[in-house]
Amino acid sequence: GGGLVQPGGSLRLSCAASGFTFDDYAIGWFRQAPGKEREGVACITS
């Protein structure tokens, strides 16, 4: 779902998961910008 977006716009990213029971997991979004460490963005529990 990534791409180019303007500051006034919006974008929705998707994460498709398989091979596990989602109820047992927390899923988080991380990001890494050029020259920077990977950082946590958001997380959701089942």
All heavy atoms as atom14 arrays in JSON, in Angstrom:
{
  "sequence": "GGGLVQPGGSLRLSCAASGFTFDDYAIGWFRQAPGKEREGVACITS",
  "atom14_mask": [
    [1, 1, 1, 1, 0, 0, 0, 0, 0, 0, 0, 0, 0, 0],
    [1, 1, 1, 1, 0, 0, 0, 0, 0, 0, 0, 0, 0, 0],
    [1, 1, 1, 1, 0, 0, 0, 0, 0, 0, 0, 0, 0, 0],
    [1, 1, 1, 1, 1, 1, 1, 1, 0, 0, 0, 0, 0, 0],
    [1, 1, 1, 1, 1, 1, 1, 0, 0, 0, 0, 0, 0, 0],
    [1, 1, 1, 1, 1, 1, 1, 1, 1, 0, 0, 0, 0, 0],
    [1, 1, 1, 1, 1, 1, 1, 0, 0, 0, 0, 0, 0, 0],
    [1, 1, 1, 1, 0, 0, 0, 0, 0, 0, 0, 0, 0, 0],
    [1, 1, 1, 1, 0, 0, 0, 0, 0, 0, 0, 0, 0, 0],
    [1, 1, 1, 1, 1, 1, 0, 0, 0, 0, 0, 0, 0, 0],
    [1, 1, 1, 1, 1, 1, 1, 1, 0, 0, 0, 0, 0, 0],
    [1, 1, 1, 1, 1, 1, 1, 1, 1, 1, 1, 0, 0, 0],
    [1, 1, 1, 1, 1, 1, 1, 1, 0, 0, 0, 0, 0, 0],
    [1, 1, 1, 1, 1, 1, 0, 0, 0, 0, 0, 0, 0, 0],
    [1, 1, 1, 1, 1, 1, 0, 0, 0, 0, 0, 0, 0, 0],
    [1, 1, 1, 1, 1, 0, 0, 0, 0, 0, 0, 0, 0, 0],
    [1, 1, 1, 1, 1, 0, 0, 0, 0, 0, 0, 0, 0, 0],
    [1, 1, 1, 1, 1, 1, 0, 0, 0, 0, 0, 0, 0, 0],
    [1, 1, 1, 1, 0, 0, 0, 0, 0, 0, 0, 0, 0, 0],
    [1, 1, 1, 1, 1, 1, 1, 1, 1, 1, 1, 0, 0, 0],
    [1, 1, 1, 1, 1, 1, 1, 0, 0, 0, 0, 0, 0, 0],
    [1, 1, 1, 1, 1, 1, 1, 1, 1, 1, 1, 0, 0, 0],
    [1, 1, 1, 1, 1, 1, 1, 1, 0, 0, 0, 0, 0, 0],
    [1, 1, 1, 1, 1, 1, 1, 1, 0, 0, 0, 0, 0, 0],
    [1, 1, 1, 1, 1, 1, 1, 1, 1, 1, 1, 1, 0, 0],
    [1, 1, 1, 1, 1, 0, 0, 0, 0, 0, 0, 0, 0, 0],
    [1, 1, 1, 1, 1, 1, 1, 1, 0, 0, 0, 0, 0, 0],
    [1, 1, 1, 1, 0, 0, 0, 0, 0, 0, 0, 0, 0, 0],
    [1, 1, 1, 1, 1, 1, 1, 1, 1, 1, 1, 1, 1, 1],
    [1, 1, 1, 1, 1, 1, 1, 1, 1, 1, 1, 0, 0, 0],
    [1, 1, 1, 1, 1, 1, 1, 1, 1, 1, 1, 0, 0, 0],
    [1, 1, 1, 1, 1, 1, 1, 1, 1, 0, 0, 0, 0, 0],
    [1, 1, 1, 1, 1, 0, 0, 0, 0, 0, 0, 0, 0, 0],
    [1, 1, 1, 1, 1, 1, 1, 0, 0, 0, 0, 0, 0, 0],
    [1, 1, 1, 1, 0, 0, 0, 0, 0, 0, 0, 0, 0, 0],
    [1, 1, 1, 1, 1, 1, 1, 1, 1, 0, 0, 0, 0, 0],
    [1, 1, 1, 1, 1, 1, 1, 1, 1, 0, 0, 0, 0, 0],
    [1, 1, 1, 1, 1, 1, 1, 1, 1, 1, 1, 0, 0, 0],
    [1, 1, 1, 1, 1, 1, 1, 1, 1, 0, 0, 0, 0, 0],
    [1, 1, 1, 1, 0, 0, 0, 0, 0, 0, 0, 0, 0, 0],
    [1, 1, 1, 1, 1, 1, 1, 0, 0, 0, 0, 0, 0, 0],
    [1, 1, 1, 1, 1, 0, 0, 0, 0, 0, 0, 0, 0, 0],
    [1, 1, 1, 1, 1, 1, 0, 0, 0, 0, 0, 0, 0, 0],
    [1, 1, 1, 1, 1, 1, 1, 1, 0, 0, 0, 0, 0, 0],
    [1, 1, 1, 1, 1, 1, 1, 0, 0, 0, 0, 0, 0, 0],
    [1, 1, 1, 1, 1, 1, 0, 0, 0, 0, 0, 0, 0, 0]
  ],
  "atom14_positions": [
    [[0.78, -1.23, 0.0], [0.0, 0.0, 0.0], [0.81, 1.28, 0.0], [0.23, 2.37, -0.04], [0.0, 0.0, 0.0], [0.0, 0.0, 0.0], [0.0, 0.0, 0.0], [0.0, 0.0, 0.0], [0.0, 0.0, 0.0], [0.0, 0.0, 0.0], [0.0, 0.0, 0.0], [0.0, 0.0, 0.0], [0.0, 0.0, 0.0], [0.0, 0.0, 0.0]],
    [[2.11, 1.16, 0.04], [2.93, 2.35, 0.03], [2.92, 3.04, -1.32], [2.44, 2.52, -2.31], [0.0, 0.0, 0.0], [0.0, 0.0, 0.0], [0.0, 0.0, 0.0], [0.0, 0.0, 0.0], [0.0, 0.0, 0.0], [0.0, 0.0, 0.0], [0.0, 0.0, 0.0], [0.0, 0.0, 0.0], [0.0, 0.0, 0.0], [0.0, 0.0, 0.0]],
    [[3.45, 4.23, -1.32], [3.51, 5.01, -2.54], [3.81, 6.46, -2.24], [4.24, 6.81, -1.14], [0.0, 0.0, 0.0], [0.0, 0.0, 0.0], [0.0, 0.0, 0.0], [0.0, 0.0, 0.0], [0.0, 0.0, 0.0], [0.0, 0.0, 0.0], [0.0, 0.0, 0.0], [0.0, 0.0, 0.0], [0.0, 0.0, 0.0], [0.0, 0.0, 0.0]],
    [[3.56, 7.29, -3.22], [3.77, 8.72, -3.09], [2.48, 9.39, -2.63], [1.42, 9.15, -3.22], [4.23, 9.31, -4.41], [4.43, 10.83, -4.47], [5.57, 11.25, -3.55], [4.7, 11.26, -5.9], [0.0, 0.0, 0.0], [0.0, 0.0, 0.0], [0.0, 0.0, 0.0], [0.0, 0.0, 0.0], [0.0, 0.0, 0.0], [0.0, 0.0, 0.0]],
    [[2.57, 10.2, -1.61], [1.4, 10.9, -1.09], [1.8, 12.33, -0.76], [2.91, 12.6, -0.3], [0.82, 10.18, 0.14], [1.84, 10.12, 1.27], [-0.46, 10.84, 0.6], [0.0, 0.0, 0.0], [0.0, 0.0, 0.0], [0.0, 0.0, 0.0], [0.0, 0.0, 0.0], [0.0, 0.0, 0.0], [0.0, 0.0, 0.0], [0.0, 0.0, 0.0]],
    [[0.89, 13.25, -1.02], [1.12, 14.65, -0.69], [0.79, 14.91, 0.77], [0.0, 14.19, 1.38], [0.29, 15.55, -1.59], [0.67, 15.46, -3.06], [-0.15, 16.4, -3.93], [-1.08, 17.04, -3.46], [0.22, 16.5, -5.19], [0.0, 0.0, 0.0], [0.0, 0.0, 0.0], [0.0, 0.0, 0.0], [0.0, 0.0, 0.0], [0.0, 0.0, 0.0]],
    [[1.38, 15.94, 1.36], [1.1, 16.24, 2.77], [-0.39, 16.39, 3.08], [-0.82, 16.07, 4.18], [1.85, 17.55, 2.99], [2.98, 17.5, 2.02], [2.41, 16.84, 0.8], [0.0, 0.0, 0.0], [0.0, 0.0, 0.0], [0.0, 0.0, 0.0], [0.0, 0.0, 0.0], [0.0, 0.0, 0.0], [0.0, 0.0, 0.0], [0.0, 0.0, 0.0]],
    [[-1.17, 16.85, 2.14], [-2.6, 17.0, 2.37], [-3.42, 15.77, 2.08], [-4.65, 15.78, 2.22], [0.0, 0.0, 0.0], [0.0, 0.0, 0.0], [0.0, 0.0, 0.0], [0.0, 0.0, 0.0], [0.0, 0.0, 0.0], [0.0, 0.0, 0.0], [0.0, 0.0, 0.0], [0.0, 0.0, 0.0], [0.0, 0.0, 0.0], [0.0, 0.0, 0.0]],
    [[-2.76, 14.7, 1.7], [-3.46, 13.5, 1.32], [-3.51, 12.47, 2.43], [-3.35, 12.77, 3.61], [0.0, 0.0, 0.0], [0.0, 0.0, 0.0], [0.0, 0.0, 0.0], [0.0, 0.0, 0.0], [0.0, 0.0, 0.0], [0.0, 0.0, 0.0], [0.0, 0.0, 0.0], [0.0, 0.0, 0.0], [0.0, 0.0, 0.0], [0.0, 0.0, 0.0]],
    [[-3.76, 11.25, 2.03], [-3.82, 10.14, 2.97], [-3.39, 8.88, 2.26], [-3.39, 8.8, 1.02], [-5.22, 9.98, 3.56], [-6.16, 9.64, 2.56], [0.0, 0.0, 0.0], [0.0, 0.0, 0.0], [0.0, 0.0, 0.0], [0.0, 0.0, 0.0], [0.0, 0.0, 0.0], [0.0, 0.0, 0.0], [0.0, 0.0, 0.0], [0.0, 0.0, 0.0]],
    [[-3.05, 7.9, 3.05], [-2.57, 6.64, 2.51], [-2.89, 5.54, 3.51], [-2.81, 5.77, 4.72], [-1.07, 6.71, 2.26], [-0.42, 5.65, 1.36], [-0.91, 5.8, -0.07], [1.09, 5.77, 1.42], [0.0, 0.0, 0.0], [0.0, 0.0, 0.0], [0.0, 0.0, 0.0], [0.0, 0.0, 0.0], [0.0, 0.0, 0.0], [0.0, 0.0, 0.0]],
    [[-3.25, 4.39, 3.02], [-3.5, 3.26, 3.9], [-2.57, 2.11, 3.55], [-2.56, 1.63, 2.42], [-4.96, 2.78, 3.8], [-5.3, 1.75, 4.88], [-6.72, 1.25, 4.8], [-6.9, 0.27, 3.72], [-7.92, -0.57, 3.64], [-8.88, -0.55, 4.57], [-8.02, -1.4, 2.63], [0.0, 0.0, 0.0], [0.0, 0.0, 0.0], [0.0, 0.0, 0.0]],
    [[-1.83, 1.7, 4.54], [-0.96, 0.55, 4.4], [-1.67, -0.69, 4.92], [-2.47, -0.62, 5.84], [0.34, 0.75, 5.17], [1.12, 2.03, 4.89], [2.41, 2.03, 5.7], [1.4, 2.19, 3.41], [0.0, 0.0, 0.0], [0.0, 0.0, 0.0], [0.0, 0.0, 0.0], [0.0, 0.0, 0.0], [0.0, 0.0, 0.0], [0.0, 0.0, 0.0]],
    [[-1.36, -1.82, 4.32], [-1.94, -3.08, 4.73], [-0.85, -4.07, 5.07], [0.22, -4.06, 4.46], [-2.83, -3.66, 3.62], [-3.9, -2.81, 3.31], [0.0, 0.0, 0.0], [0.0, 0.0, 0.0], [0.0, 0.0, 0.0], [0.0, 0.0, 0.0], [0.0, 0.0, 0.0], [0.0, 0.0, 0.0], [0.0, 0.0, 0.0], [0.0, 0.0, 0.0]],
    [[-1.14, -4.9, 6.04], [-0.24, -5.98, 6.4], [-1.05, -7.26, 6.39], [-1.97, -7.43, 7.2], [0.37, -5.74, 7.78], [1.43, -7.09, 8.36], [0.0, 0.0, 0.0], [0.0, 0.0, 0.0], [0.0, 0.0, 0.0], [0.0, 0.0, 0.0], [0.0, 0.0, 0.0], [0.0, 0.0, 0.0], [0.0, 0.0, 0.0], [0.0, 0.0, 0.0]],
    [[-0.72, -8.14, 5.48], [-1.38, -9.43, 5.39], [-0.55, -10.46, 6.15], [0.63, -10.62, 5.87], [-1.55, -9.84, 3.94], [0.0, 0.0, 0.0], [0.0, 0.0, 0.0], [0.0, 0.0, 0.0], [0.0, 0.0, 0.0], [0.0, 0.0, 0.0], [0.0, 0.0, 0.0], [0.0, 0.0, 0.0], [0.0, 0.0, 0.0], [0.0, 0.0, 0.0]],
    [[-1.19, -11.1, 7.08], [-0.5, -12.07, 7.92], [-1.08, -13.46, 7.7], [-2.27, -13.63, 7.45], [-0.62, -11.69, 9.39], [0.0, 0.0, 0.0], [0.0, 0.0, 0.0], [0.0, 0.0, 0.0], [0.0, 0.0, 0.0], [0.0, 0.0, 0.0], [0.0, 0.0, 0.0], [0.0, 0.0, 0.0], [0.0, 0.0, 0.0], [0.0, 0.0, 0.0]],
    [[-0.24, -14.44, 7.8], [-0.68, -15.82, 7.66], [0.23, -16.72, 8.48], [1.33, -16.34, 8.87], [-0.67, -16.26, 6.19], [0.64, -16.23, 5.65], [0.0, 0.0, 0.0], [0.0, 0.0, 0.0], [0.0, 0.0, 0.0], [0.0, 0.0, 0.0], [0.0, 0.0, 0.0], [0.0, 0.0, 0.0], [0.0, 0.0, 0.0], [0.0, 0.0, 0.0]],
    [[-0.25, -17.92, 8.73], [0.56, -18.9, 9.41], [0.51, -18.86, 10.92], [1.31, -19.55, 11.57], [0.0, 0.0, 0.0], [0.0, 0.0, 0.0], [0.0, 0.0, 0.0], [0.0, 0.0, 0.0], [0.0, 0.0, 0.0], [0.0, 0.0, 0.0], [0.0, 0.0, 0.0], [0.0, 0.0, 0.0], [0.0, 0.0, 0.0], [0.0, 0.0, 0.0]],
    [[-0.41, -18.09, 11.47], [-0.52, -18.03, 12.93], [-1.93, -17.6, 13.32], [-2.69, -17.09, 12.49], [0.53, -17.09, 13.53], [0.36, -15.66, 13.14], [-0.32, -14.77, 13.95], [0.9, -15.19, 11.95], [-0.46, -13.44, 13.59], [0.77, -13.86, 11.57], [0.08, -12.99, 12.4], [0.0, 0.0, 0.0], [0.0, 0.0, 0.0], [0.0, 0.0, 0.0]],
    [[-2.23, -17.8, 14.57], [-3.52, -17.35, 15.11], [-3.38, -15.92, 15.58], [-2.65, -15.63, 16.53], [-3.96, -18.25, 16.27], [-4.07, -19.6, 15.82], [-5.3, -17.79, 16.82], [0.0, 0.0, 0.0], [0.0, 0.0, 0.0], [0.0, 0.0, 0.0], [0.0, 0.0, 0.0], [0.0, 0.0, 0.0], [0.0, 0.0, 0.0], [0.0, 0.0, 0.0]],
    [[-4.08, -15.03, 14.9], [-3.93, -13.61, 15.19], [-4.28, -13.27, 16.63], [-3.71, -12.33, 17.2], [-4.78, -12.79, 14.22], [-4.58, -11.31, 14.36], [-3.45, -10.7, 13.86], [-5.54, -10.53, 14.99], [-3.26, -9.34, 14.0], [-5.37, -9.16, 15.13], [-4.22, -8.57, 14.63], [0.0, 0.0, 0.0], [0.0, 0.0, 0.0], [0.0, 0.0, 0.0]],
    [[-5.18, -14.01, 17.22], [-5.59, -13.72, 18.6], [-4.43, -13.8, 19.58], [-4.5, -13.23, 20.67], [-6.68, -14.69, 19.04], [-8.01, -14.43, 18.38], [-8.17, -13.37, 17.76], [-8.9, -15.29, 18.5], [0.0, 0.0, 0.0], [0.0, 0.0, 0.0], [0.0, 0.0, 0.0], [0.0, 0.0, 0.0], [0.0, 0.0, 0.0], [0.0, 0.0, 0.0]],
    [[-3.39, -14.5, 19.21], [-2.25, -14.67, 20.1], [-1.16, -13.64, 19.88], [-0.13, -13.69, 20.56], [-1.65, -16.07, 19.93], [-2.62, -17.17, 20.31], [-3.53, -16.91, 21.12], [-2.46, -18.3, 19.8], [0.0, 0.0, 0.0], [0.0, 0.0, 0.0], [0.0, 0.0, 0.0], [0.0, 0.0, 0.0], [0.0, 0.0, 0.0], [0.0, 0.0, 0.0]],
    [[-1.38, -12.72, 18.97], [-0.31, -11.83, 18.56], [-0.68, -10.36, 18.68], [-1.85, -9.98, 18.66], [0.09, -12.11, 17.1], [0.85, -13.4, 16.92], [0.2, -14.62, 16.93], [2.23, -13.38, 16.75], [0.91, -15.8, 16.77], [2.94, -14.55, 16.59], [2.27, -15.76, 16.59], [2.97, -16.93, 16.43], [0.0, 0.0, 0.0], [0.0, 0.0, 0.0]],
    [[0.34, -9.56, 18.8], [0.24, -8.13, 18.58], [0.95, -7.82, 17.28], [2.0, -8.39, 16.99], [0.88, -7.35, 19.73], [0.0, 0.0, 0.0], [0.0, 0.0, 0.0], [0.0, 0.0, 0.0], [0.0, 0.0, 0.0], [0.0, 0.0, 0.0], [0.0, 0.0, 0.0], [0.0, 0.0, 0.0], [0.0, 0.0, 0.0], [0.0, 0.0, 0.0]],
    [[0.37, -6.93, 16.5], [0.95, -6.55, 15.22], [1.32, -5.08, 15.27], [0.51, -4.24, 15.66], [-0.02, -6.8, 14.05], [-0.55, -8.24, 14.08], [0.68, -6.49, 12.73], [0.51, -9.29, 13.86], [0.0, 0.0, 0.0], [0.0, 0.0, 0.0], [0.0, 0.0, 0.0], [0.0, 0.0, 0.0], [0.0, 0.0, 0.0], [0.0, 0.0, 0.0]],
    [[2.53, -4.79, 14.88], [2.99, -3.42, 14.91], [3.53, -2.96, 13.57], [3.91, -3.77, 12.73], [0.0, 0.0, 0.0], [0.0, 0.0, 0.0], [0.0, 0.0, 0.0], [0.0, 0.0, 0.0], [0.0, 0.0, 0.0], [0.0, 0.0, 0.0], [0.0, 0.0, 0.0], [0.0, 0.0, 0.0], [0.0, 0.0, 0.0], [0.0, 0.0, 0.0]],
    [[3.5, -1.66, 13.39], [4.1, -1.02, 12.24], [5.38, -0.32, 12.67], [5.38, 0.4, 13.68], [3.16, -0.02, 11.59], [2.05, -0.64, 10.81], [0.78, -0.88, 11.23], [2.13, -1.1, 9.46], [0.04, -1.45, 10.22], [0.85, -1.6, 9.12], [3.13, -1.13, 8.5], [0.56, -2.13, 7.87], [2.85, -1.66, 7.26], [1.58, -2.15, 6.95]],
    [[6.41, -0.53, 11.92], [7.68, 0.13, 12.12], [8.07, 0.84, 10.84], [7.54, 0.54, 9.77], [8.77, -0.87, 12.52], [8.61, -1.42, 13.91], [7.6, -2.31, 14.22], [9.49, -1.04, 14.92], [7.45, -2.82, 15.49], [9.36, -1.54, 16.21], [8.34, -2.43, 16.49], [0.0, 0.0, 0.0], [0.0, 0.0, 0.0], [0.0, 0.0, 0.0]],
    [[8.99, 1.75, 10.96], [9.47, 2.43, 9.77], [10.94, 2.75, 9.91], [11.47, 2.87, 11.01], [8.68, 3.71, 9.5], [8.88, 4.81, 10.54], [7.95, 5.97, 10.27], [8.12, 7.06, 11.23], [7.35, 8.13, 11.28], [6.34, 8.27, 10.43], [7.58, 9.08, 12.19], [0.0, 0.0, 0.0], [0.0, 0.0, 0.0], [0.0, 0.0, 0.0]],
    [[11.58, 2.86, 8.78], [12.99, 3.21, 8.76], [13.22, 4.2, 7.63], [13.01, 3.89, 6.46], [13.86, 1.97, 8.57], [15.35, 2.26, 8.7], [16.17, 0.99, 8.83], [15.75, -0.07, 8.4], [17.34, 1.11, 9.43], [0.0, 0.0, 0.0], [0.0, 0.0, 0.0], [0.0, 0.0, 0.0], [0.0, 0.0, 0.0], [0.0, 0.0, 0.0]],
    [[13.65, 5.38, 8.02], [13.98, 6.42, 7.07], [15.46, 6.33, 6.73], [16.26, 5.78, 7.5], [13.65, 7.8, 7.64], [0.0, 0.0, 0.0], [0.0, 0.0, 0.0], [0.0, 0.0, 0.0], [0.0, 0.0, 0.0], [0.0, 0.0, 0.0], [0.0, 0.0, 0.0], [0.0, 0.0, 0.0], [0.0, 0.0, 0.0], [0.0, 0.0, 0.0]],
    [[15.85, 6.86, 5.58], [17.26, 6.82, 5.2], [18.16, 7.41, 6.27], [17.91, 8.51, 6.77], [17.31, 7.65, 3.92], [15.93, 7.52, 3.35], [15.02, 7.5, 4.54], [0.0, 0.0, 0.0], [0.0, 0.0, 0.0], [0.0, 0.0, 0.0], [0.0, 0.0, 0.0], [0.0, 0.0, 0.0], [0.0, 0.0, 0.0], [0.0, 0.0, 0.0]],
    [[19.17, 6.67, 6.65], [20.12, 7.15, 7.63], [19.65, 7.13, 9.06], [20.35, 7.64, 9.94], [0.0, 0.0, 0.0], [0.0, 0.0, 0.0], [0.0, 0.0, 0.0], [0.0, 0.0, 0.0], [0.0, 0.0, 0.0], [0.0, 0.0, 0.0], [0.0, 0.0, 0.0], [0.0, 0.0, 0.0], [0.0, 0.0, 0.0], [0.0, 0.0, 0.0]],
    [[18.49, 6.55, 9.31], [17.94, 6.53, 10.65], [17.66, 5.1, 11.09], [17.54, 4.19, 10.27], [16.66, 7.35, 10.74], [16.83, 8.82, 10.38], [15.54, 9.6, 10.55], [15.12, 9.68, 12.0], [13.91, 10.54, 12.18], [0.0, 0.0, 0.0], [0.0, 0.0, 0.0], [0.0, 0.0, 0.0], [0.0, 0.0, 0.0], [0.0, 0.0, 0.0]],
    [[17.56, 4.93, 12.39], [17.23, 3.63, 12.94], [15.76, 3.32, 12.73], [14.92, 4.22, 12.63], [17.55, 3.59, 14.43], [19.02, 3.78, 14.78], [19.87, 2.62, 14.36], [19.36, 1.47, 14.34], [21.05, 2.83, 14.04], [0.0, 0.0, 0.0], [0.0, 0.0, 0.0], [0.0, 0.0, 0.0], [0.0, 0.0, 0.0], [0.0, 0.0, 0.0]],
    [[15.47, 2.05, 12.67], [14.08, 1.64, 12.57], [13.35, 1.99, 13.87], [13.87, 1.76, 14.96], [14.0, 0.14, 12.3], [12.6, -0.36, 11.99], [12.61, -1.82, 11.56], [13.36, -2.0, 10.32], [13.45, -3.17, 9.68], [12.84, -4.24, 10.16], [14.16, -3.25, 8.57], [0.0, 0.0, 0.0], [0.0, 0.0, 0.0], [0.0, 0.0, 0.0]],
    [[12.16, 2.53, 13.74], [11.41, 2.96, 14.9], [9.99, 2.43, 14.86], [9.41, 2.23, 13.79], [11.38, 4.49, 15.0], [10.69, 5.17, 13.83], [10.6, 6.68, 13.98], [10.9, 7.19, 15.07], [10.24, 7.34, 12.99], [0.0, 0.0, 0.0], [0.0, 0.0, 0.0], [0.0, 0.0, 0.0], [0.0, 0.0, 0.0], [0.0, 0.0, 0.0]],
    [[9.44, 2.23, 16.04], [8.06, 1.8, 16.13], [7.11, 2.93, 15.83], [7.34, 4.08, 16.2], [0.0, 0.0, 0.0], [0.0, 0.0, 0.0], [0.0, 0.0, 0.0], [0.0, 0.0, 0.0], [0.0, 0.0, 0.0], [0.0, 0.0, 0.0], [0.0, 0.0, 0.0], [0.0, 0.0, 0.0], [0.0, 0.0, 0.0], [0.0, 0.0, 0.0]],
    [[6.02, 2.61, 15.15], [5.01, 3.6, 14.76], [3.7, 3.37, 15.5], [3.15, 4.28, 16.11], [4.78, 3.58, 13.24], [3.66, 4.54, 12.85], [6.06, 3.91, 12.5], [0.0, 0.0, 0.0], [0.0, 0.0, 0.0], [0.0, 0.0, 0.0], [0.0, 0.0, 0.0], [0.0, 0.0, 0.0], [0.0, 0.0, 0.0], [0.0, 0.0, 0.0]],
    [[3.2, 2.16, 15.43], [1.92, 1.84, 16.04], [1.83, 0.35, 16.26], [2.52, -0.43, 15.6], [0.75, 2.33, 15.17], [0.0, 0.0, 0.0], [0.0, 0.0, 0.0], [0.0, 0.0, 0.0], [0.0, 0.0, 0.0], [0.0, 0.0, 0.0], [0.0, 0.0, 0.0], [0.0, 0.0, 0.0], [0.0, 0.0, 0.0], [0.0, 0.0, 0.0]],
    [[0.97, -0.03, 17.16], [0.79, -1.44, 17.47], [-0.66, -1.68, 17.84], [-1.32, -0.82, 18.42], [1.72, -1.85, 18.62], [1.6, -3.59, 19.11], [0.0, 0.0, 0.0], [0.0, 0.0, 0.0], [0.0, 0.0, 0.0], [0.0, 0.0, 0.0], [0.0, 0.0, 0.0], [0.0, 0.0, 0.0], [0.0, 0.0, 0.0], [0.0, 0.0, 0.0]],
    [[-1.14, -2.86, 17.5], [-2.5, -3.24, 17.87], [-2.49, -4.68, 18.35], [-1.78, -5.53, 17.81], [-3.48, -3.06, 16.69], [-4.92, -3.3, 17.14], [-3.11, -3.97, 15.52], [-5.95, -2.88, 16.1], [0.0, 0.0, 0.0], [0.0, 0.0, 0.0], [0.0, 0.0, 0.0], [0.0, 0.0, 0.0], [0.0, 0.0, 0.0], [0.0, 0.0, 0.0]],
    [[-3.27, -4.93, 19.38], [-3.43, -6.28, 19.89], [-4.74, -6.86, 19.38], [-5.62, -6.14, 18.91], [-3.41, -6.31, 21.42], [-4.5, -5.53, 21.94], [-2.11, -5.73, 21.96], [0.0, 0.0, 0.0], [0.0, 0.0, 0.0], [0.0, 0.0, 0.0], [0.0, 0.0, 0.0], [0.0, 0.0, 0.0], [0.0, 0.0, 0.0], [0.0, 0.0, 0.0]],
    [[-4.88, -8.16, 19.5], [-6.06, -8.83, 18.98], [-7.34, -8.4, 19.68], [-8.42, -8.5, 19.1], [-5.89, -10.34, 19.08], [-5.73, -10.76, 20.42], [0.0, 0.0, 0.0], [0.0, 0.0, 0.0], [0.0, 0.0, 0.0], [0.0, 0.0, 0.0], [0.0, 0.0, 0.0], [0.0, 0.0, 0.0], [0.0, 0.0, 0.0], [0.0, 0.0, 0.0]]
  ]
}
